[in-house]
Amino acid sequence: MNTSVIETEKPTRFRLPSFGVQVLTGLVLGVVLGLVARSIGADGVDASTGEVDPNWLTETLSTIGGTFVTLLRAVVPPLVFLAIVASIANLRDVTGAARLAWKTLTWFAATALIAVSIGIVLGLVLQPGDHTSVTSDAASAPSSTGSWLDFLTGLVPANVLGLEGYDNGDGSVGFSFNVLQILVVSIAVGIATLKVGDAAEPFLAFVRSALAVVQKVLWWIILLAPIATVGLLGNAVASYGWDALGSLGMFTVAIYAGLALVVLGVYPALLRLNELSVRQFFSGAWPAISLAFVSRSSVGTMPLTESVTERNLGVPRAYASFAVPLGATTKMDGCASIYPAISAIFVAQFFGLDLSVTDYVLIAFVSVIGSAATAGVTGATVMLTLTLSTLGLPLEGVGLLLAIDPILDMGRTAVNVAGQALVPTIVAKREGILDQAAYDAPRGRSAWREEPETASESQPVTAAA
């Protein structure tokens, strides 16, 4: 009997583009929809408040982007607590953890010093305060200012959860979390588990299990990033546009020139000095950098920053889960170094005030140390007011720059996050704990290199002597 085998052709499975391509597509689509929304115009003005009512497209874009950032922020508190407690327990050596912490802080300070120096030079060369059409009518003092006491008060947890209440202005009360306080609580609990010993093993087992669950939820949220990019960038273009750039054109050029020099000049130079591929770093960190650009939130991006630092760049989980949250509160080359340096020089030039050599030294000092002093308070405006008050410059100068702050904040946050991924990578390389194979591995189609969970990930990591 003759038999024949009929081969049926399998249907071609539809494959989505890689995660990076999805985000890039979201960026382009966001700009297009933002321009469309801006061309439609506002629906009107609220007679009671005088505020402009956004049109349906702007409202939709705002809702999409805002929902994503809210989801990310909701994951941050448990992720920070669980990851840091687990990482300290995994190290099993407080001395080794302290060594890594000091190395990390040293690199934070060194790169911040380089960034603020670039900002000062650009401010003196481009003189943005002398090349502006903005008038003094726009000058106004900000509602919140930075203080050196913020660092001390920010360190003391108000409660175990790091929650802070605030007045919404309509009689209701809202709540936000303070990452710095969560960091302090997590470190204390992590060290306590080491001191307790075997009795803490059931607690650590729960922490590791809960961490795995939170990371899985985080992955589901991150899959929405391309869609969120459309909403975040589209809303930014629709709400702010580029009209205000004309009067502050030179200031904007100075800020973005400084950001470009740091992220495209300083960071690649540091990578090459440590024998690390520049292309591999940026391809690995790209998901976090791009999300930071559109979301304008280092804290909101922090879960993704930690994930790509660990999975794409090869930094051990025990170290990445400590260094990235620390960087999200104290490592801000864009917001705390370049921006306040150029802005302070702008304000001085605008009001016709001369800055001495001592003043420039103070700018550098505030930029290197001040980011920690304002870690408990969000916003580059707070960092700027701290710099201006330290130099004795008019705080009313802040009002001159508020019109274009959202546009500048996108670039500032992207540089912040790039630095938050860079420093742990360099420290891990220099301490001999970097997974070089993971760093050099081809990037997958998803946000990071996919690999199965292995027992080795929970093994202790000890810095080289």
Protein backbone atom coordinates (compact mmCIF):
# COMPACT_ATOMS: atom_id res chain seq x y z
CA MET A 1 0.00 0.00 0.00
CA ASN A 2 1.34 3.35 -0.95
CA THR A 3 1.14 6.00 1.67
CA SER A 4 1.75 9.63 1.18
CA VAL A 5 2.46 12.27 3.70
CA ILE A 6 0.84 15.58 3.09
CA GLU A 7 2.78 18.39 4.69
CA THR A 8 0.69 21.28 5.76
CA GLU A 9 2.32 24.63 5.89
CA LYS A 10 2.19 26.16 9.34
CA PRO A 11 0.58 29.55 9.46
CA THR A 12 3.03 32.37 9.90
CA ARG A 13 2.88 33.71 13.41
CA PHE A 14 2.63 37.45 13.67
CA ARG A 15 5.60 38.89 15.53
CA LEU A 16 5.64 42.29 17.08
CA PRO A 17 8.65 44.53 16.44
CA SER A 18 11.36 44.62 19.08
CA PHE A 19 10.67 46.59 22.24
CA GLY A 20 13.05 49.38 21.18
CA VAL A 21 11.29 49.75 17.83
CA GLN A 22 7.94 49.82 19.61
CA VAL A 23 9.11 52.66 21.85
CA LEU A 24 10.53 54.60 18.89
CA THR A 25 7.24 54.15 17.07
CA GLY A 26 5.46 55.43 20.16
CA LEU A 27 7.71 58.49 20.23
CA VAL A 28 6.90 59.37 16.61
CA LEU A 29 3.18 58.68 17.00
CA GLY A 30 3.12 60.69 20.23
CA VAL A 31 4.59 63.75 18.52
CA VAL A 32 2.14 63.46 15.62
CA LEU A 33 -0.90 63.08 17.87
CA GLY A 34 0.36 65.84 20.13
CA LEU A 35 0.60 68.23 17.20
CA VAL A 36 -2.88 67.21 16.07
CA ALA A 37 -4.26 67.78 19.56
CA ARG A 38 -2.57 71.17 19.73
CA SER A 39 -4.01 72.18 16.35
CA ILE A 40 -7.53 71.28 17.54
CA GLY A 41 -7.21 73.78 20.36
CA ALA A 42 -8.88 73.92 23.75
CA ASP A 43 -12.53 73.15 24.37
CA GLY A 44 -12.91 76.36 26.28
CA VAL A 45 -12.13 78.02 29.59
CA ASP A 46 -13.58 77.02 32.95
CA ALA A 47 -15.51 80.09 34.13
CA SER A 48 -15.05 79.27 37.83
CA THR A 49 -11.29 78.58 37.82
CA GLY A 50 -10.12 80.31 34.66
CA GLU A 51 -8.27 77.15 33.59
CA VAL A 52 -8.22 75.99 29.98
CA ASP A 53 -10.26 72.84 29.31
CA PRO A 54 -8.25 70.41 27.16
CA ASN A 55 -9.84 68.86 24.09
CA TRP A 56 -10.78 65.18 23.96
CA LEU A 57 -7.53 64.08 22.31
CA THR A 58 -5.32 65.89 24.80
CA GLU A 59 -7.39 64.46 27.64
CA THR A 60 -7.06 60.95 26.21
CA LEU A 61 -3.29 61.25 25.81
CA SER A 62 -2.98 62.63 29.33
CA THR A 63 -5.03 59.77 30.77
CA ILE A 64 -3.01 57.09 28.97
CA GLY A 65 0.36 58.50 30.02
CA GLY A 66 -0.72 59.39 33.54
CA THR A 67 -2.17 55.93 34.18
CA PHE A 68 1.10 54.27 33.20
CA VAL A 69 3.21 56.49 35.46
CA THR A 70 0.75 55.86 38.30
CA LEU A 71 1.12 52.11 37.82
CA LEU A 72 4.90 52.36 37.89
CA ARG A 73 4.85 54.52 41.00
CA ALA A 74 2.57 52.00 42.72
CA VAL A 75 5.20 49.28 42.21
CA VAL A 76 8.12 51.39 43.48
CA PRO A 77 7.56 51.19 47.29
CA PRO A 78 7.29 47.39 47.57
CA LEU A 79 10.00 46.88 44.96
CA VAL A 80 12.50 49.13 46.75
CA PHE A 81 11.81 47.61 50.17
CA LEU A 82 11.87 43.98 49.07
CA ALA A 83 14.83 44.33 46.70
CA ILE A 84 17.07 46.15 49.16
CA VAL A 85 16.28 43.82 52.08
CA ALA A 86 16.97 40.81 49.83
CA SER A 87 20.15 42.34 48.40
CA ILE A 88 21.64 43.11 51.81
CA ALA A 89 20.75 39.62 53.02
CA ASN A 90 22.32 38.13 49.87
CA LEU A 91 25.57 39.98 50.42
CA ARG A 92 25.92 38.33 53.84
CA ASP A 93 28.71 40.76 54.55
CA VAL A 94 27.96 44.28 55.78
CA THR A 95 31.59 45.31 55.17
CA GLY A 96 31.35 44.26 51.52
CA ALA A 97 28.05 46.09 51.13
CA ALA A 98 29.53 49.20 52.72
CA ARG A 99 32.46 49.07 50.31
CA LEU A 100 30.15 48.94 47.31
CA ALA A 101 28.05 51.77 48.74
CA TRP A 102 31.06 54.04 49.22
CA LYS A 103 32.38 53.23 45.75
CA THR A 104 28.96 54.04 44.31
CA LEU A 105 28.67 57.36 46.15
CA THR A 106 32.20 58.31 45.07
CA TRP A 107 31.32 57.76 41.42
CA PHE A 108 28.06 59.64 41.89
CA ALA A 109 30.02 62.64 43.19
CA ALA A 110 32.75 62.43 40.53
CA THR A 111 30.34 62.35 37.59
CA ALA A 112 28.23 65.12 39.16
CA LEU A 113 31.36 67.29 39.46
CA ILE A 114 32.16 66.74 35.78
CA ALA A 115 28.58 67.56 34.80
CA VAL A 116 28.40 70.77 36.82
CA SER A 117 31.76 71.89 35.41
CA ILE A 118 30.36 71.47 31.90
CA GLY A 119 27.30 73.47 32.92
CA ILE A 120 29.39 76.33 34.30
CA VAL A 121 31.56 76.50 31.17
CA LEU A 122 28.51 76.53 28.87
CA GLY A 123 26.85 79.22 30.97
CA LEU A 124 29.92 81.46 30.70
CA VAL A 125 30.47 80.82 26.99
CA LEU A 126 26.88 81.04 25.74
CA GLN A 127 25.73 83.70 28.27
CA PRO A 128 22.02 82.74 28.10
CA GLY A 129 21.00 85.52 30.50
CA ASP A 130 22.27 88.17 28.11
CA HIS A 131 20.60 86.59 25.08
CA THR A 132 16.95 86.36 26.02
CA SER A 133 13.76 88.23 25.15
CA VAL A 134 11.94 87.24 28.33
CA THR A 135 10.93 90.22 30.46
CA SER A 136 11.11 90.76 34.20
CA ASP A 137 7.30 90.61 34.33
CA ALA A 138 7.61 86.82 34.35
CA ALA A 139 9.80 86.84 37.46
CA SER A 140 8.14 85.27 40.46
CA ALA A 141 9.26 83.33 43.51
CA PRO A 142 8.40 79.61 43.54
CA SER A 143 5.91 78.13 45.97
CA SER A 144 8.45 75.63 47.35
CA THR A 145 12.16 76.04 47.95
CA GLY A 146 15.07 73.79 48.83
CA SER A 147 16.80 73.74 52.19
CA TRP A 148 19.83 71.96 53.60
CA LEU A 149 17.59 70.80 56.43
CA ASP A 150 15.55 68.81 53.89
CA PHE A 151 18.30 66.21 53.87
CA LEU A 152 18.08 65.57 57.62
CA THR A 153 14.29 65.64 57.75
CA GLY A 154 14.10 63.47 54.64
CA LEU A 155 16.23 60.79 56.27
CA VAL A 156 13.89 60.32 59.22
CA PRO A 157 10.97 58.06 58.23
CA ALA A 158 7.58 59.46 59.15
CA ASN A 159 6.28 55.88 59.09
CA VAL A 160 7.39 52.44 57.97
CA LEU A 161 5.77 52.86 54.56
CA GLY A 162 7.42 56.24 53.85
CA LEU A 163 4.02 57.81 53.16
CA GLU A 164 3.59 61.58 53.23
CA GLY A 165 0.30 63.47 53.20
CA TYR A 166 -0.35 66.67 51.28
CA ASP A 167 -3.23 69.06 50.69
CA ASN A 168 -4.75 68.81 47.22
CA GLY A 169 -6.00 72.37 47.51
CA ASP A 170 -9.65 71.38 47.29
CA GLY A 171 -10.06 70.29 50.89
CA SER A 172 -9.02 66.69 50.22
CA VAL A 173 -5.80 65.04 51.34
CA GLY A 174 -3.53 63.01 49.09
CA PHE A 175 -0.61 60.72 49.82
CA SER A 176 2.77 60.20 48.22
CA PHE A 177 5.76 58.11 49.16
CA ASN A 178 9.27 59.27 50.03
CA VAL A 179 11.79 56.96 48.34
CA LEU A 180 14.63 58.18 50.57
CA GLN A 181 12.73 57.19 53.69
CA ILE A 182 11.85 53.79 52.22
CA LEU A 183 15.54 53.38 51.43
CA VAL A 184 16.51 54.08 55.05
CA VAL A 185 13.89 51.67 56.41
CA SER A 186 14.94 48.97 53.94
CA ILE A 187 18.62 49.25 54.83
CA ALA A 188 17.80 49.05 58.55
CA VAL A 189 15.61 45.96 58.08
CA GLY A 190 18.20 44.33 55.81
CA ILE A 191 21.00 44.79 58.31
CA ALA A 192 18.71 43.58 61.10
CA THR A 193 18.08 40.32 59.23
CA LEU A 194 21.84 39.74 59.08
CA LYS A 195 22.21 40.35 62.78
CA VAL A 196 19.28 38.06 63.70
CA GLY A 197 20.76 35.13 61.78
CA ASP A 198 18.89 31.85 61.30
CA ALA A 199 15.75 33.17 62.96
CA ALA A 200 15.30 35.57 60.03
CA GLU A 201 15.29 32.82 57.36
CA PRO A 202 11.46 32.49 57.21
CA PHE A 203 11.19 36.27 56.80
CA LEU A 204 13.84 36.27 54.05
CA ALA A 205 12.05 33.43 52.26
CA PHE A 206 8.88 35.53 52.25
CA VAL A 207 10.81 38.60 51.03
CA ARG A 208 12.35 36.68 48.12
CA SER A 209 9.01 35.16 47.16
CA ALA A 210 7.22 38.52 47.33
CA LEU A 211 10.01 40.13 45.30
CA ALA A 212 9.55 37.58 42.52
CA VAL A 213 5.81 38.32 42.43
CA VAL A 214 6.35 42.10 42.35
CA GLN A 215 8.90 41.77 39.54
CA LYS A 216 6.44 39.73 37.48
CA VAL A 217 3.79 42.43 37.94
CA LEU A 218 6.41 45.01 36.97
CA TRP A 219 7.10 43.13 33.75
CA TRP A 220 3.42 43.25 32.81
CA ILE A 221 3.39 47.01 33.40
CA ILE A 222 6.54 47.60 31.36
CA LEU A 223 4.98 45.82 28.38
CA LEU A 224 2.62 48.81 28.21
CA ALA A 225 5.50 51.29 27.85
CA PRO A 226 5.21 51.77 24.04
CA ILE A 227 1.52 52.69 24.39
CA ALA A 228 2.31 54.92 27.38
CA THR A 229 4.99 56.67 25.32
CA VAL A 230 2.33 57.82 22.87
CA GLY A 231 0.27 59.32 25.69
CA LEU A 232 3.14 60.88 27.63
CA LEU A 233 4.91 62.57 24.74
CA GLY A 234 1.66 63.42 22.94
CA ASN A 235 0.33 65.16 26.04
CA ALA A 236 3.61 67.06 26.49
CA VAL A 237 3.53 68.37 22.92
CA ALA A 238 -0.17 69.21 23.11
CA SER A 239 0.05 70.93 26.49
CA TYR A 240 3.31 72.84 26.19
CA GLY A 241 4.25 72.92 22.53
CA TRP A 242 7.39 74.76 21.56
CA ASP A 243 6.14 78.33 21.54
CA ALA A 244 7.93 79.37 24.70
CA LEU A 245 11.32 78.31 23.35
CA GLY A 246 11.69 81.49 21.33
CA SER A 247 12.26 83.85 24.26
CA LEU A 248 14.56 81.40 26.03
CA GLY A 249 16.21 79.89 22.98
CA MET A 250 19.85 80.31 24.08
CA PHE A 251 19.05 79.00 27.56
CA THR A 252 17.42 75.92 26.04
CA VAL A 253 20.41 75.40 23.72
CA ALA A 254 22.79 75.66 26.68
CA ILE A 255 20.85 73.09 28.74
CA TYR A 256 20.53 70.53 25.95
CA ALA A 257 24.13 71.09 24.85
CA GLY A 258 25.24 70.30 28.39
CA LEU A 259 23.03 67.23 28.56
CA ALA A 260 24.35 66.01 25.20
CA LEU A 261 27.99 66.51 26.23
CA VAL A 262 27.45 64.45 29.36
CA VAL A 263 25.46 61.58 27.89
CA LEU A 264 27.29 61.42 24.53
CA GLY A 265 30.76 62.53 25.65
CA VAL A 266 31.46 61.95 29.32
CA TYR A 267 29.58 58.69 29.75
CA PRO A 268 31.11 57.01 26.65
CA ALA A 269 34.58 58.15 27.75
CA LEU A 270 34.08 56.58 31.19
CA LEU A 271 32.84 53.36 29.60
CA ARG A 272 35.86 53.13 27.32
CA LEU A 273 38.23 53.82 30.22
CA ASN A 274 36.71 50.81 31.95
CA GLU A 275 36.87 48.66 28.80
CA LEU A 276 33.12 48.51 28.33
CA SER A 277 31.31 48.73 24.99
CA VAL A 278 29.50 52.04 24.54
CA ARG A 279 27.05 50.53 22.08
CA GLN A 280 26.15 47.69 24.43
CA PHE A 281 25.56 50.07 27.31
CA PHE A 282 23.19 52.36 25.45
CA SER A 283 21.34 49.53 23.72
CA GLY A 284 20.90 47.89 27.11
CA ALA A 285 19.87 51.03 28.96
CA TRP A 286 17.74 52.43 26.13
CA PRO A 287 14.35 51.20 27.42
CA ALA A 288 14.86 53.06 30.71
CA ILE A 289 16.37 56.18 29.11
CA SER A 290 13.54 56.52 26.58
CA LEU A 291 10.88 56.00 29.23
CA ALA A 292 12.55 58.60 31.44
CA PHE A 293 12.48 61.10 28.57
CA VAL A 294 8.73 60.85 28.04
CA SER A 295 7.65 60.25 31.66
CA ARG A 296 9.89 62.94 33.21
CA SER A 297 10.15 60.83 36.38
CA SER A 298 13.32 59.15 37.64
CA VAL A 299 11.37 57.50 40.45
CA GLY A 300 8.65 56.29 38.09
CA THR A 301 11.31 54.88 35.75
CA MET A 302 13.32 53.32 38.58
CA PRO A 303 11.80 49.79 38.34
CA LEU A 304 12.72 49.61 34.65
CA THR A 305 16.15 51.16 35.30
CA GLU A 306 16.89 48.50 37.89
CA SER A 307 15.71 45.72 35.60
CA VAL A 308 17.80 46.72 32.58
CA THR A 309 20.83 47.40 34.80
CA GLU A 310 20.62 43.87 36.11
CA ARG A 311 19.49 41.91 33.06
CA ASN A 312 20.98 43.84 30.15
CA LEU A 313 24.10 45.32 31.73
CA GLY A 314 25.06 42.36 33.90
CA VAL A 315 25.10 44.08 37.30
CA PRO A 316 24.36 41.53 40.07
CA ARG A 317 20.83 41.76 41.43
CA ALA A 318 22.09 42.09 45.01
CA TYR A 319 24.01 45.24 44.05
CA ALA A 320 21.66 46.69 41.40
CA SER A 321 18.67 46.55 43.74
CA PHE A 322 20.61 48.74 46.16
CA ALA A 323 22.51 51.10 43.83
CA VAL A 324 19.67 52.05 41.45
CA PRO A 325 17.20 53.17 44.16
CA LEU A 326 20.05 55.06 45.81
CA GLY A 327 20.79 56.72 42.47
CA ALA A 328 17.14 57.60 41.91
CA THR A 329 17.31 59.80 45.03
CA THR A 330 20.87 61.14 44.87
CA LYS A 331 22.21 60.75 41.29
CA MET A 332 20.85 63.54 39.09
CA ASP A 333 23.43 64.87 36.62
CA GLY A 334 20.68 66.57 34.62
CA CYS A 335 18.46 68.05 37.33
CA ALA A 336 21.05 68.63 40.06
CA SER A 337 24.21 69.51 38.12
CA ILE A 338 23.82 70.89 34.60
CA TYR A 339 20.45 72.59 35.04
CA PRO A 340 21.08 74.51 38.31
CA ALA A 341 24.56 75.57 37.17
CA ILE A 342 23.40 77.09 33.88
CA SER A 343 20.22 78.45 35.49
CA ALA A 344 22.12 80.21 38.28
CA ILE A 345 24.41 81.86 35.73
CA PHE A 346 21.34 82.81 33.66
CA VAL A 347 19.65 84.47 36.67
CA ALA A 348 22.84 86.34 37.60
CA GLN A 349 23.31 87.61 34.05
CA PHE A 350 19.62 88.56 33.70
CA PHE A 351 19.66 90.68 36.86
CA GLY A 352 23.09 92.12 36.08
CA LEU A 353 24.87 90.48 39.03
CA ASP A 354 28.50 89.39 38.92
CA LEU A 355 29.55 85.97 40.18
CA SER A 356 32.97 85.49 41.78
CA VAL A 357 35.21 82.42 41.69
CA THR A 358 33.85 81.53 45.13
CA ASP A 359 30.33 81.56 43.73
CA TYR A 360 31.27 79.07 41.03
CA VAL A 361 32.86 76.84 43.66
CA LEU A 362 29.61 77.04 45.63
CA ILE A 363 27.62 76.05 42.53
CA ALA A 364 29.82 72.96 42.18
CA PHE A 365 29.50 72.17 45.89
CA VAL A 366 25.71 72.45 45.89
CA SER A 367 25.44 70.32 42.75
CA VAL A 368 27.59 67.52 44.18
CA ILE A 369 26.16 67.54 47.70
CA GLY A 370 22.80 69.25 47.24
CA SER A 371 21.08 66.44 45.36
CA ALA A 372 21.12 64.45 48.59
CA ALA A 373 19.89 67.51 50.50
CA THR A 374 16.76 67.64 48.34
CA ALA A 375 16.32 63.89 47.97
CA GLY A 376 13.15 63.97 50.06
CA VAL A 377 11.62 66.63 47.79
CA THR A 378 10.82 66.16 44.11
CA GLY A 379 11.51 68.52 41.25
CA ALA A 380 14.49 70.32 39.74
CA THR A 381 12.91 73.61 40.85
CA VAL A 382 13.73 72.75 44.47
CA MET A 383 17.35 72.07 43.53
CA LEU A 384 17.51 75.37 41.63
CA THR A 385 16.12 77.36 44.56
CA LEU A 386 18.69 75.73 46.85
CA THR A 387 21.47 76.87 44.50
CA LEU A 388 20.09 80.40 44.14
CA SER A 389 19.58 80.84 47.90
CA THR A 390 23.09 79.56 48.64
CA LEU A 391 24.53 82.13 46.21
CA GLY A 392 22.20 84.90 47.42
CA LEU A 393 20.61 85.32 43.97
CA PRO A 394 16.96 86.45 43.54
CA LEU A 395 14.56 83.53 43.83
CA GLU A 396 12.20 85.44 41.53
CA GLY A 397 14.48 84.32 38.70
CA VAL A 398 12.90 80.88 38.91
CA GLY A 399 9.66 82.24 37.45
CA LEU A 400 11.52 83.26 34.30
CA LEU A 401 12.29 79.65 33.48
CA LEU A 402 9.06 77.88 34.39
CA ALA A 403 7.46 78.30 30.96
CA ILE A 404 9.83 75.82 29.30
CA ASP A 405 10.58 73.62 32.31
CA PRO A 406 8.56 70.62 31.03
CA ILE A 407 10.49 70.66 27.76
CA LEU A 408 13.81 70.78 29.59
CA ASP A 409 12.72 68.21 32.13
CA MET A 410 12.46 65.50 29.48
CA GLY A 411 16.15 65.76 28.63
CA ARG A 412 17.21 66.23 32.27
CA THR A 413 15.42 63.08 33.41
CA ALA A 414 16.84 61.00 30.56
CA VAL A 415 20.38 61.98 31.58
CA ASN A 416 19.58 61.31 35.24
CA VAL A 417 18.50 57.75 34.46
CA ALA A 418 21.43 57.12 32.11
CA GLY A 419 23.78 58.03 34.95
CA GLN A 420 21.84 55.89 37.42
CA ALA A 421 22.49 52.86 35.19
CA LEU A 422 26.06 53.85 34.30
CA VAL A 423 27.58 54.10 37.77
CA PRO A 424 26.52 50.64 39.05
CA THR A 425 27.80 49.16 35.79
CA ILE A 426 31.21 50.80 36.15
CA VAL A 427 31.51 49.96 39.86
CA ALA A 428 30.54 46.34 39.19
CA LYS A 429 33.15 46.14 36.43
CA ARG A 430 35.90 47.61 38.59
CA GLU A 431 35.00 45.35 41.52
CA GLY A 432 35.04 42.22 39.37
CA ILE A 433 31.37 41.32 39.86
CA LEU A 434 29.97 42.34 36.45
CA ASP A 435 28.49 39.56 34.33
CA GLN A 436 30.45 40.40 31.18
CA ALA A 437 28.63 37.75 29.14
CA ALA A 438 25.28 39.37 29.94
CA TYR A 439 26.68 42.82 29.13
CA ASP A 440 28.00 41.68 25.73
CA ALA A 441 25.00 39.49 24.85
CA PRO A 442 22.84 40.42 21.86
CA ARG A 443 19.72 42.29 22.89
CA GLY A 444 16.45 40.42 22.55
CA ARG A 445 13.21 41.67 21.14
CA SER A 446 11.88 42.53 24.58
CA ALA A 447 12.93 45.27 26.98
CA TRP A 448 15.89 43.23 28.20
CA ARG A 449 17.78 40.01 27.80
CA GLU A 450 15.46 37.16 28.72
CA GLU A 451 16.87 34.30 30.78
CA PRO A 452 15.47 31.71 33.16
CA GLU A 453 15.71 32.29 36.88
CA THR A 454 18.64 30.37 38.35
CA ALA A 455 19.75 29.65 41.84
CA SER A 456 22.93 31.61 41.24
CA GLU A 457 21.02 34.87 41.25
CA SER A 458 20.40 34.52 44.96
CA GLN A 459 24.02 33.74 45.79
CA PRO A 460 26.06 36.24 47.80
CA VAL A 461 27.97 38.92 45.92
CA THR A 462 31.14 40.21 47.51
CA ALA A 463 33.19 43.09 46.20
CA ALA A 464 36.82 42.44 45.43
CA ALA A 465 39.26 43.34 48.15
